[in-house]
């Protein structure tokens, strides 16, 4: 799974960050993901719950 992240600090107090998680939209499950106890949707009992697909975010942080 490939993630991209970039950020910039302005005047020492303001920080801005943008990113894209799971750039290539791969199916995966983290090693601590729970297993499904019952059949649900496309999942069979015992399969791990998949993680979300591709998503983007932006955040701004002000520090004193």
Protein backbone atom coordinates (compact mmCIF):
# COMPACT_ATOMS: atom_id res chain seq x y z
CA UNK A 1 0.00 0.00 0.00
CA UNK A 2 1.46 3.35 -1.02
CA UNK A 3 0.67 6.61 0.79
CA UNK A 4 1.71 10.14 -0.19
CA UNK A 5 1.99 13.06 2.21
CA UNK A 6 3.32 16.62 1.93
CA UNK A 7 3.36 19.52 4.33
CA UNK A 8 4.55 23.05 4.83
CA UNK A 9 5.08 25.35 7.82
CA UNK A 10 4.28 29.07 7.60
CA UNK A 11 5.80 31.61 10.02
CA UNK A 12 6.57 28.89 12.56
CA UNK A 13 3.01 28.75 13.95
CA UNK A 14 0.86 27.54 11.06
CA UNK A 15 1.32 24.09 9.52
CA UNK A 16 -0.54 22.67 6.54
CA UNK A 17 -0.51 19.04 5.42
CA UNK A 18 -2.22 17.13 2.57
CA UNK A 19 -2.07 13.46 1.74
CA UNK A 20 -3.52 10.50 -0.13
CA UNK A 21 -3.70 7.10 1.56
CA UNK A 22 -3.75 3.86 -0.48
CA UNK A 23 -2.88 5.66 -3.73
CA UNK A 24 -3.42 2.59 -5.96
CA UNK A 25 -6.66 1.54 -4.17
CA UNK A 26 -5.38 -1.94 -3.24
CA UNK A 27 -7.46 -4.38 -1.20
CA UNK A 28 -5.73 -5.17 2.10
CA UNK A 29 -6.37 -5.96 5.75
CA UNK A 30 -4.07 -4.95 8.59
CA UNK A 31 -2.67 -7.73 10.76
CA UNK A 32 -4.77 -6.57 13.75
CA UNK A 33 -8.02 -6.38 11.75
CA UNK A 34 -10.90 -8.36 13.22
CA UNK A 35 -12.32 -11.44 11.54
CA UNK A 36 -15.97 -11.69 10.53
CA UNK A 37 -17.86 -14.16 12.76
CA UNK A 38 -20.80 -14.54 10.31
CA UNK A 39 -21.21 -14.21 6.55
CA UNK A 40 -21.75 -10.52 5.78
CA UNK A 41 -21.93 -9.10 2.26
CA UNK A 42 -19.02 -10.55 0.26
CA UNK A 43 -17.16 -11.73 3.39
CA UNK A 44 -17.21 -15.32 4.58
CA UNK A 45 -16.85 -16.33 8.25
CA UNK A 46 -13.21 -16.08 9.33
CA UNK A 47 -12.15 -13.52 6.70
CA UNK A 48 -10.54 -10.31 7.90
CA UNK A 49 -12.44 -7.05 7.58
CA UNK A 50 -10.80 -5.06 4.75
CA UNK A 51 -9.43 -1.57 5.27
CA UNK A 52 -10.90 1.45 3.46
CA UNK A 53 -9.89 2.19 -0.12
CA UNK A 54 -8.20 5.33 -1.39
CA UNK A 55 -8.89 8.57 0.45
CA UNK A 56 -7.45 12.07 0.63
CA UNK A 57 -7.17 14.47 3.53
CA UNK A 58 -5.99 17.96 4.42
CA UNK A 59 -5.21 19.37 7.83
CA UNK A 60 -4.16 22.71 9.25
CA UNK A 61 -2.54 23.14 12.66
CA UNK A 62 -1.89 26.34 14.63
CA UNK A 63 0.57 26.22 17.53
CA UNK A 64 1.41 28.95 20.03
